């Protein structure tokens, strides 16, 4: 399979991760089709992206012309058929195997036979996701890190049936987009979440046990370990509901008790405290600016 990637599609582009991946691709010079199932999240992502790049201009990291060029390469749509011309489509929808598998079949129905499908899953099996395609060899794991527009790492994972040339093409694209790919096996959590899900849960359980509050825990981790972001700040960024889904996807496979969902996390989600996207999680937020913007 020889694929010259010029246009990139992003599914779930109205979400935090999808919007960040779209920025990565557009900033690298690719035309990007941002797809989601509703207009509202796409409009919100567009506003956040504009704010992010405006901050880059104000900080002298890019010119107004460069900003306009990047924004001009982003188009948004709720019509999945608009992805037909994309040589690479990266899905960043929420962690649900049935949803991701179904999406792969829908993409196969509208895209060309040479199009590559990347999955941004952080815990699910690439092989199982690819089973939604008649041609699973075109599916490859491409797990970006939040916030994608700032973080360089991409965990690249081939499924059992992923064609070697598909993996190499996707790897080459990640490098061309200015990212830092690392190869992982198709195993739960890959590298980062195999370590982070239990670690983040430990931080929540420390709050439950009354060891310290969120701010103190994050300050200790950032100061003592040199992390740029504390575990509770990170959970607020990815969403407390997302952390629940990560636990639910990861724990049954690993049976690691540290990966089981902490009761406090479930209670906070039930109360609607989802983190940055709801305005309150372990911290309280004002405004709806993209992280780093």
Foldseek 3Di string as FASTA:
>chain_A
DDFDFAEEEEEPCLDQQNLLVLLLQLLLPHQYEYEYQDDVSVVLSLVQLLVLVVVCCVVVVDPPVSSVSSSVSYDYDHDLLVCQPGQEYEYDDAPDLVVLLCVLLVNVVRYDPNRAYEYQDQFAFLQSSLVSHPQSLRYWYWHADPSNNPAQETETEGHPNHDPVNSVVVVVVSVSSVHDYDYFYRHGRTPVHVPLLLVLLVLVVCVVVVVDAPVVQFVCCCVVVVDPTRSQLRQLQVWLVSSQSSLVRRCVVPVPVSSHHDPVSVVCVVVVQTHLVSQHHSHGHDDNHRVND
